[in-house]
Amino acid sequence: MVTEADPRERQDGLGWVTRAIFGDPGVRVAVGDDPAATVRYAVIPSLDDARFLLPLASRKVTAASLLAYNALRPPKVRAGRAAVGLLARAGALGLTRAPILSVYADAPGLLLAGFLAAELGEPELHAAIGIRPPDPHHKPTLQLFDGGGRPRGYAKIGWNDGTRAMVRAEAATLADLPVGNGFPPAPKLMLHTRWNGREIAVIAPMPRRVRRIRRPGTPRLAAMLAVARRGGPPAPPRPARDLVAGWLGRAEGGDPRIHAVIGRLDPDLELEFGDWHGDWVPWNMARHGRRLLVWDWENSAPGVPVGFDLAHQAFQTALSTHGRPAAECATAVDEALRRHGPALGLDATRQRFVADAYLVELWLRTYELSGGGAGWNPKLHPALLDVLDRRQNARAAA
């Protein structure tokens, strides 16, 4: 029985995600349980606090959506998902009193899961959909299952200029990653396509027995170096002038302060340059046996100073895990580079350069996303420019 209006009209995470995934004008979405609907989803835990859309195709599919890869999740989340998954497996999901979304489509191809099933040669696919707060930098992600509840991949959805570019970048990176020589393995690219103005990348499912990494705060320095060097030998040091010149070009039209900050960096300092993952954080990696598995390569890029991934882990852990302001996150970068920089070939001078250079790169990334329709990240702008100004002025005065 349909009880409420189209959830795509909402301004919260549920509204944003349903607009992105069920945006075809030939698709209708309503709140309420209608067995005649094309597909049905349980909204976990509630409409106003939606975190997950759980497909109700069968007990196997519903339970798998909650239990697959549950060992990767924090203990509290893992316990909650396990409890609801067991109810789903027993056919008692109704005890949760979760609201139901009913979705109607005249043809399977009007639904993203149906389109992807055809593209991947699967008889059917069912999508478990994560819900995040509306944010122009976020991409909806679908975990795909076949009719037997077996994982078949992850679909990432680029829906504005910025996120479409990120999906294209990850697809290109995954198609060209090295293998072996200490380079951490990554799930393979299965499909890169477009659908209804969306950029879609489908990434292979992870091995079934992946687990959370132990000691997530400890940097995996050998793996970072393998990524930087693409599994090969160290590159000879070279001056930073090409990096600085490239930054000035990328910053064109931006806040004048970023040009001043870049202009104070030493272009003649010689460092080792290489690749970086671009979002090296504990929640983008897992252990599989003795190996480290790393995913989410959408921000990977070549030609950066070795040490950027170390700086990023320190900054983003302080920002996302501990909720610290940008200045304290920058201090965490300094501390990580002081402690671990020598293992990456960085003396004190190069540690300071890498720290400032990483903050510049992070601001430029935020600036470029804003130009792609993603808006500014209020945690990073103008805070990063203020931090860089203070750091450089303090050194000049010392």
Protein backbone atom coordinates (compact mmCIF):
# COMPACT_ATOMS: atom_id res chain seq x y z
CA MET A 1 0.00 0.00 0.00
CA VAL A 2 1.49 3.35 -1.08
CA THR A 3 1.37 5.83 1.81
CA GLU A 4 3.60 8.82 0.95
CA ALA A 5 4.71 11.01 -1.94
CA ASP A 6 7.60 10.34 -4.29
CA PRO A 7 10.79 10.24 -2.15
CA ARG A 8 12.74 11.84 -5.02
CA GLU A 9 11.19 15.13 -3.90
CA ARG A 10 13.01 14.98 -0.57
CA GLN A 11 16.08 17.16 0.01
CA ASP A 12 17.94 14.65 2.19
CA GLY A 13 20.19 11.71 1.32
CA LEU A 14 17.26 9.51 0.40
CA GLY A 15 16.01 12.12 -2.06
CA TRP A 16 19.43 12.71 -3.58
CA VAL A 17 20.20 9.02 -4.13
CA THR A 18 16.78 8.13 -5.51
CA ARG A 19 16.98 11.04 -7.96
CA ALA A 20 20.40 9.86 -9.12
CA ILE A 21 19.44 6.19 -9.56
CA PHE A 22 15.74 6.30 -10.40
CA GLY A 23 15.78 9.52 -12.40
CA ASP A 24 14.35 8.18 -15.66
CA PRO A 25 10.97 9.83 -16.36
CA GLY A 26 9.58 6.38 -17.10
CA VAL A 27 10.24 5.24 -13.52
CA ARG A 28 7.90 5.90 -10.61
CA VAL A 29 8.93 5.65 -6.95
CA ALA A 30 6.65 5.71 -3.93
CA VAL A 31 6.83 4.95 -0.22
CA GLY A 32 4.70 1.94 0.68
CA ASP A 33 4.77 -1.80 0.08
CA ASP A 34 3.21 -2.80 -3.22
CA PRO A 35 3.81 -6.43 -4.27
CA ALA A 36 3.00 -5.39 -7.88
CA ALA A 37 6.02 -3.04 -8.01
CA THR A 38 8.90 -3.86 -10.35
CA VAL A 39 11.40 -3.80 -7.46
CA ARG A 40 11.03 -3.12 -3.75
CA TYR A 41 13.50 -1.85 -1.16
CA ALA A 42 13.49 -1.69 2.61
CA VAL A 43 14.72 1.68 3.88
CA ILE A 44 17.14 1.01 6.75
CA PRO A 45 16.62 2.18 9.44
CA SER A 46 13.96 4.82 8.60
CA LEU A 47 12.95 7.42 6.02
CA ASP A 48 14.40 10.33 7.97
CA ASP A 49 17.63 8.54 8.88
CA ALA A 50 18.05 6.42 5.75
CA ARG A 51 21.43 4.68 5.47
CA PHE A 52 20.72 1.77 3.16
CA LEU A 53 18.22 0.60 0.54
CA LEU A 54 17.89 -3.15 0.94
CA PRO A 55 16.59 -5.08 -2.10
CA LEU A 56 13.63 -7.35 -1.33
CA ALA A 57 13.98 -9.65 -4.35
CA SER A 58 14.34 -12.78 -2.18
CA ARG A 59 15.52 -13.83 1.26
CA LYS A 60 18.91 -14.79 -0.17
CA VAL A 61 19.43 -11.46 -1.89
CA THR A 62 18.22 -9.42 1.06
CA ALA A 63 20.41 -11.30 3.56
CA ALA A 64 23.46 -11.17 1.28
CA SER A 65 23.08 -7.39 0.95
CA LEU A 66 23.65 -7.12 4.69
CA LEU A 67 26.08 -9.97 5.35
CA ALA A 68 28.48 -9.86 2.38
CA TYR A 69 31.82 -8.34 3.41
CA ASN A 70 30.46 -7.55 6.85
CA ALA A 71 33.90 -8.33 8.30
CA LEU A 72 35.13 -5.05 6.77
CA ARG A 73 32.81 -2.94 8.89
CA PRO A 74 33.41 -1.45 12.36
CA PRO A 75 32.20 -3.74 15.18
CA LYS A 76 29.04 -1.75 15.99
CA VAL A 77 27.96 -1.54 12.34
CA ARG A 78 28.87 -5.20 11.80
CA ALA A 79 26.70 -6.31 14.71
CA GLY A 80 23.72 -4.28 13.52
CA ARG A 81 23.95 -5.57 9.98
CA ALA A 82 24.38 -9.14 11.16
CA ALA A 83 21.23 -8.92 13.29
CA VAL A 84 19.11 -7.51 10.46
CA GLY A 85 20.67 -9.97 8.00
CA LEU A 86 19.65 -12.92 10.14
CA LEU A 87 16.09 -11.58 10.29
CA ALA A 88 16.10 -11.24 6.51
CA ARG A 89 17.37 -14.78 6.06
CA ALA A 90 14.59 -16.05 8.32
CA GLY A 91 11.94 -14.06 6.45
CA ALA A 92 11.29 -11.88 9.50
CA LEU A 93 12.48 -8.54 8.21
CA GLY A 94 9.03 -7.12 8.97
CA LEU A 95 10.00 -7.11 12.64
CA THR A 96 12.26 -4.14 11.92
CA ARG A 97 9.21 -2.11 10.79
CA ALA A 98 11.43 -0.61 8.05
CA PRO A 99 9.58 1.51 5.46
CA ILE A 100 9.38 0.07 1.94
CA LEU A 101 10.09 1.82 -1.36
CA SER A 102 8.13 0.51 -4.34
CA VAL A 103 9.68 1.21 -7.73
CA TYR A 104 7.78 0.82 -11.00
CA ALA A 105 9.29 0.60 -14.49
CA ASP A 106 7.75 -0.40 -17.83
CA ALA A 107 10.99 -2.07 -19.01
CA PRO A 108 14.01 -3.55 -17.15
CA GLY A 109 16.43 -1.22 -18.97
CA LEU A 110 14.81 1.79 -17.33
CA LEU A 111 16.30 0.61 -14.03
CA LEU A 112 20.06 0.81 -13.62
CA ALA A 113 20.36 -2.72 -12.23
CA GLY A 114 18.49 -4.09 -15.24
CA PHE A 115 20.67 -2.13 -17.66
CA LEU A 116 23.85 -3.37 -15.98
CA ALA A 117 22.63 -6.98 -16.01
CA ALA A 118 22.23 -6.76 -19.79
CA GLU A 119 25.64 -5.11 -20.22
CA LEU A 120 27.39 -7.71 -18.04
CA GLY A 121 25.55 -10.71 -19.51
CA GLU A 122 23.79 -11.58 -16.25
CA PRO A 123 20.23 -12.95 -16.21
CA GLU A 124 19.38 -10.56 -13.39
CA LEU A 125 21.09 -8.26 -10.91
CA HIS A 126 19.83 -6.75 -7.68
CA ALA A 127 21.27 -3.58 -6.17
CA ALA A 128 21.90 -2.80 -2.52
CA ILE A 129 22.25 0.97 -2.35
CA GLY A 130 24.11 3.00 0.25
CA ILE A 131 22.64 6.33 1.38
CA ARG A 132 24.88 9.27 2.27
CA PRO A 133 24.01 12.89 3.02
CA PRO A 134 23.58 14.99 -0.12
CA ASP A 135 26.99 16.20 -1.21
CA PRO A 136 28.12 17.24 -4.71
CA HIS A 137 31.38 15.30 -4.20
CA HIS A 138 29.69 11.98 -3.34
CA LYS A 139 28.80 9.27 -5.81
CA PRO A 140 25.99 6.76 -5.28
CA THR A 141 27.35 3.23 -5.11
CA LEU A 142 25.44 0.03 -5.83
CA GLN A 143 26.53 -3.36 -4.58
CA LEU A 144 25.30 -5.85 -7.16
CA PHE A 145 24.08 -9.40 -6.44
CA ASP A 146 22.79 -12.14 -8.68
CA GLY A 147 19.57 -14.04 -7.98
CA GLY A 148 21.39 -16.46 -5.67
CA GLY A 149 22.76 -13.65 -3.49
CA ARG A 150 26.33 -13.89 -4.85
CA PRO A 151 28.26 -10.60 -5.14
CA ARG A 152 28.76 -9.54 -8.75
CA GLY A 153 30.39 -6.12 -8.41
CA TYR A 154 30.15 -2.52 -7.31
CA ALA A 155 28.73 0.18 -9.56
CA LYS A 156 29.85 3.77 -9.05
CA ILE A 157 27.63 6.51 -10.43
CA GLY A 158 28.97 9.85 -11.67
CA TRP A 159 26.03 12.26 -11.79
CA ASN A 160 27.55 15.76 -12.15
CA ASP A 161 30.63 17.03 -14.02
CA GLY A 162 32.94 16.50 -11.07
CA THR A 163 31.81 12.98 -10.18
CA ARG A 164 31.58 11.91 -13.84
CA ALA A 165 35.24 12.90 -14.22
CA MET A 166 36.12 10.89 -11.11
CA VAL A 167 34.43 7.77 -12.47
CA ARG A 168 36.24 8.15 -15.81
CA ALA A 169 39.55 8.60 -13.99
CA GLU A 170 39.09 5.46 -11.90
CA ALA A 171 38.15 3.39 -14.92
CA ALA A 172 41.28 4.54 -16.75
CA THR A 173 43.50 3.91 -13.72
CA LEU A 174 42.17 0.42 -13.04
CA ALA A 175 42.73 -0.55 -16.66
CA ASP A 176 46.44 0.28 -16.33
CA LEU A 177 47.54 -0.76 -12.83
CA PRO A 178 50.75 -2.80 -12.49
CA VAL A 179 50.69 -6.32 -11.07
CA GLY A 180 53.23 -7.85 -8.68
CA ASN A 181 56.52 -6.53 -7.27
CA GLY A 182 54.82 -5.43 -4.07
CA PHE A 183 52.12 -3.39 -5.81
CA PRO A 184 48.91 -3.89 -3.79
CA PRO A 185 46.24 -5.68 -5.83
CA ALA A 186 42.98 -3.91 -6.61
CA PRO A 187 39.58 -5.19 -7.76
CA LYS A 188 39.43 -5.21 -11.56
CA LEU A 189 37.36 -2.98 -13.81
CA MET A 190 34.46 -4.97 -15.29
CA LEU A 191 32.57 -2.29 -17.20
CA HIS A 192 32.77 1.40 -18.03
CA THR A 193 29.68 2.81 -19.68
CA ARG A 194 27.10 5.60 -19.70
CA TRP A 195 23.42 5.51 -18.85
CA ASN A 196 20.88 8.33 -18.77
CA GLY A 197 23.56 10.99 -18.48
CA ARG A 198 25.38 9.06 -15.76
CA GLU A 199 28.97 7.82 -15.96
CA ILE A 200 29.10 4.24 -14.66
CA ALA A 201 32.05 2.09 -13.63
CA VAL A 202 31.45 -1.45 -12.40
CA ILE A 203 34.29 -2.85 -10.28
CA ALA A 204 34.73 -6.56 -9.62
CA PRO A 205 33.66 -7.91 -6.22
CA MET A 206 36.34 -8.36 -3.61
CA PRO A 207 37.51 -11.81 -2.52
CA ARG A 208 35.00 -13.37 -0.14
CA ARG A 209 37.36 -13.63 2.83
CA VAL A 210 38.66 -10.05 3.00
CA ARG A 211 39.00 -8.62 6.50
CA ARG A 212 39.55 -5.22 8.11
CA ILE A 213 43.19 -4.24 8.32
CA ARG A 214 44.84 -4.48 11.70
CA ARG A 215 46.35 -1.33 13.23
CA PRO A 216 44.64 1.01 10.74
CA GLY A 217 46.60 4.02 11.99
CA THR A 218 49.94 2.46 10.98
CA PRO A 219 51.01 3.54 7.46
CA ARG A 220 51.80 0.73 5.02
CA LEU A 221 55.04 2.33 3.83
CA ALA A 222 56.23 -0.49 1.59
CA ALA A 223 52.91 -0.52 -0.27
CA MET A 224 52.97 3.27 -0.57
CA LEU A 225 56.42 3.10 -2.14
CA ALA A 226 55.31 0.32 -4.50
CA VAL A 227 52.44 2.52 -5.68
CA ALA A 228 54.70 5.55 -6.04
CA ARG A 229 57.21 3.54 -8.07
CA ARG A 230 54.62 1.36 -9.90
CA GLY A 231 56.37 -1.72 -8.51
CA GLY A 232 59.73 -0.65 -9.93
CA PRO A 233 62.96 0.96 -8.67
CA PRO A 234 63.20 4.47 -7.22
CA ALA A 235 63.18 7.35 -9.68
CA PRO A 236 66.13 9.76 -9.59
CA PRO A 237 65.36 13.03 -7.77
CA ARG A 238 64.43 16.03 -9.90
CA PRO A 239 63.57 19.67 -9.22
CA ALA A 240 60.02 20.61 -8.26
CA ARG A 241 59.76 23.36 -10.90
CA ASP A 242 57.46 21.39 -13.25
CA LEU A 243 55.15 20.62 -10.35
CA VAL A 244 55.04 24.27 -9.29
CA ALA A 245 54.43 25.47 -12.85
CA GLY A 246 51.62 22.95 -13.27
CA TRP A 247 49.99 24.13 -10.06
CA LEU A 248 50.04 27.75 -11.21
CA GLY A 249 48.23 26.71 -14.37
CA ARG A 250 45.63 24.72 -12.45
CA ALA A 251 45.09 27.60 -10.02
CA GLU A 252 44.34 30.12 -12.78
CA GLY A 253 41.18 32.06 -11.93
CA GLY A 254 41.24 30.88 -8.33
CA ASP A 255 41.77 32.74 -5.08
CA PRO A 256 44.86 35.02 -5.44
CA ARG A 257 46.19 33.66 -2.15
CA ILE A 258 46.88 30.25 -3.69
CA HIS A 259 49.21 31.87 -6.23
CA ALA A 260 51.10 33.54 -3.41
CA VAL A 261 51.35 30.26 -1.51
CA ILE A 262 52.65 28.38 -4.55
CA GLY A 263 55.10 31.18 -5.31
CA ARG A 264 56.77 30.74 -1.90
CA LEU A 265 57.63 27.07 -2.54
CA ASP A 266 61.17 26.24 -3.67
CA PRO A 267 60.99 25.08 -7.32
CA ASP A 268 64.64 24.02 -7.29
CA LEU A 269 64.31 21.53 -4.43
CA GLU A 270 65.01 18.03 -5.75
CA LEU A 271 62.72 15.17 -4.72
CA GLU A 272 61.69 11.74 -5.90
CA PHE A 273 58.44 11.90 -7.88
CA GLY A 274 56.01 9.12 -8.68
CA ASP A 275 52.36 8.04 -8.60
CA TRP A 276 49.97 8.26 -5.70
CA HIS A 277 46.74 6.46 -4.93
CA GLY A 278 45.11 9.78 -4.10
CA ASP A 279 42.80 8.56 -1.33
CA TRP A 280 45.02 6.29 0.75
CA VAL A 281 42.98 5.80 3.93
CA PRO A 282 42.30 2.70 6.09
CA TRP A 283 38.68 2.44 4.91
CA ASN A 284 39.85 1.99 1.30
CA MET A 285 41.88 -1.11 2.05
CA ALA A 286 41.57 -4.59 3.50
CA ARG A 287 43.65 -7.66 4.12
CA HIS A 288 43.23 -10.84 2.13
CA GLY A 289 45.45 -13.49 3.60
CA ARG A 290 48.86 -11.83 3.85
CA ARG A 291 48.15 -9.29 1.12
CA LEU A 292 46.89 -5.73 1.26
CA LEU A 293 43.96 -5.04 -1.07
CA VAL A 294 43.38 -1.39 -2.04
CA TRP A 295 40.39 0.14 -3.86
CA ASP A 296 38.91 3.56 -4.81
CA TRP A 297 41.56 4.71 -7.28
CA GLU A 298 39.57 7.62 -8.71
CA ASN A 299 42.03 10.26 -7.45
CA SER A 300 45.21 8.49 -8.53
CA ALA A 301 47.69 10.58 -10.50
CA PRO A 302 51.35 10.52 -11.59
CA GLY A 303 54.06 13.11 -11.07
CA VAL A 304 53.71 13.96 -7.38
CA PRO A 305 56.34 13.92 -4.64
CA VAL A 306 56.76 10.60 -2.89
CA GLY A 307 55.04 10.95 0.47
CA PHE A 308 51.70 12.35 -0.71
CA ASP A 309 49.84 9.16 0.25
CA LEU A 310 51.36 9.27 3.73
CA ALA A 311 50.31 12.92 4.08
CA HIS A 312 46.81 12.12 2.84
CA GLN A 313 46.29 9.27 5.29
CA ALA A 314 47.28 11.50 8.19
CA PHE A 315 45.12 14.46 7.07
CA GLN A 316 42.00 12.49 6.17
CA THR A 317 42.11 10.28 9.26
CA ALA A 318 42.23 13.40 11.43
CA LEU A 319 39.48 15.06 9.38
CA SER A 320 37.05 12.19 8.78
CA THR A 321 37.64 9.88 11.73
CA HIS A 322 38.36 12.42 14.46
CA GLY A 323 36.50 15.48 13.11
CA ARG A 324 39.45 17.82 13.60
CA PRO A 325 39.66 21.25 11.93
CA ALA A 326 41.97 21.78 8.96
CA ALA A 327 44.78 23.30 11.06
CA GLU A 328 44.96 20.25 13.32
CA CYS A 329 44.80 17.96 10.29
CA ALA A 330 47.81 19.79 8.85
CA THR A 331 49.64 19.25 12.13
CA ALA A 332 48.87 15.52 11.84
CA VAL A 333 50.52 15.59 8.39
CA ASP A 334 53.66 17.19 9.87
CA GLU A 335 53.78 14.56 12.61
CA ALA A 336 53.36 11.65 10.17
CA LEU A 337 56.10 12.98 7.90
CA ARG A 338 58.49 13.56 10.81
CA ARG A 339 57.93 10.03 12.04
CA HIS A 340 57.82 8.11 8.76
CA GLY A 341 59.31 10.46 6.17
CA PRO A 342 62.89 9.15 6.52
CA ALA A 343 61.68 5.68 5.41
CA LEU A 344 60.43 7.38 2.23
CA GLY A 345 63.73 9.19 1.65
CA LEU A 346 62.53 12.53 3.03
CA ASP A 347 64.82 14.67 5.20
CA ALA A 348 63.46 17.56 7.28
CA THR A 349 63.51 20.05 4.38
CA ARG A 350 61.68 17.68 2.07
CA GLN A 351 59.20 16.73 4.78
CA ARG A 352 58.20 20.39 5.09
CA PHE A 353 57.93 20.74 1.32
CA VAL A 354 55.83 17.59 0.95
CA ALA A 355 53.49 18.71 3.73
CA ASP A 356 52.88 22.13 2.15
CA ALA A 357 52.73 20.65 -1.34
CA TYR A 358 50.11 18.14 -0.28
CA LEU A 359 47.95 20.90 1.23
CA VAL A 360 48.25 22.86 -2.03
CA GLU A 361 47.26 19.79 -4.04
CA LEU A 362 44.30 19.17 -1.75
CA TRP A 363 43.09 22.75 -2.17
CA LEU A 364 43.50 22.52 -5.96
CA ARG A 365 41.49 19.30 -6.00
CA THR A 366 38.73 21.04 -4.06
CA TYR A 367 38.89 24.04 -6.43
CA GLU A 368 38.63 21.83 -9.51
CA LEU A 369 35.67 19.93 -8.09
CA SER A 370 33.93 23.24 -7.41
CA GLY A 371 34.42 24.20 -11.06
CA GLY A 372 32.88 20.89 -12.14
CA GLY A 373 29.61 21.71 -10.42
CA ALA A 374 30.49 20.02 -7.12
CA GLY A 375 30.55 23.13 -4.96
CA TRP A 376 33.10 23.93 -2.27
CA ASN A 377 33.90 21.59 0.58
CA PRO A 378 33.40 23.91 3.58
CA LYS A 379 35.86 21.88 5.67
CA LEU A 380 38.66 22.69 3.21
CA HIS A 381 37.91 26.14 1.82
CA PRO A 382 38.94 28.73 2.77
CA ALA A 383 40.46 26.91 5.76
CA LEU A 384 43.34 25.35 3.80
CA LEU A 385 44.44 28.72 2.43
CA ASP A 386 44.39 30.18 5.93
CA VAL A 387 46.49 27.25 7.19
CA LEU A 388 49.03 27.57 4.38
CA ASP A 389 49.33 31.33 4.90
CA ARG A 390 50.00 30.90 8.61
CA ARG A 391 52.52 28.10 8.09
CA GLN A 392 54.55 29.99 5.51
CA ASN A 393 54.43 33.29 7.43
CA ALA A 394 55.57 31.57 10.63
CA ARG A 395 58.56 30.06 8.81
CA ALA A 396 59.46 33.38 7.22
CA ALA A 397 59.41 35.06 10.62
CA ALA A 398 61.49 32.36 12.32
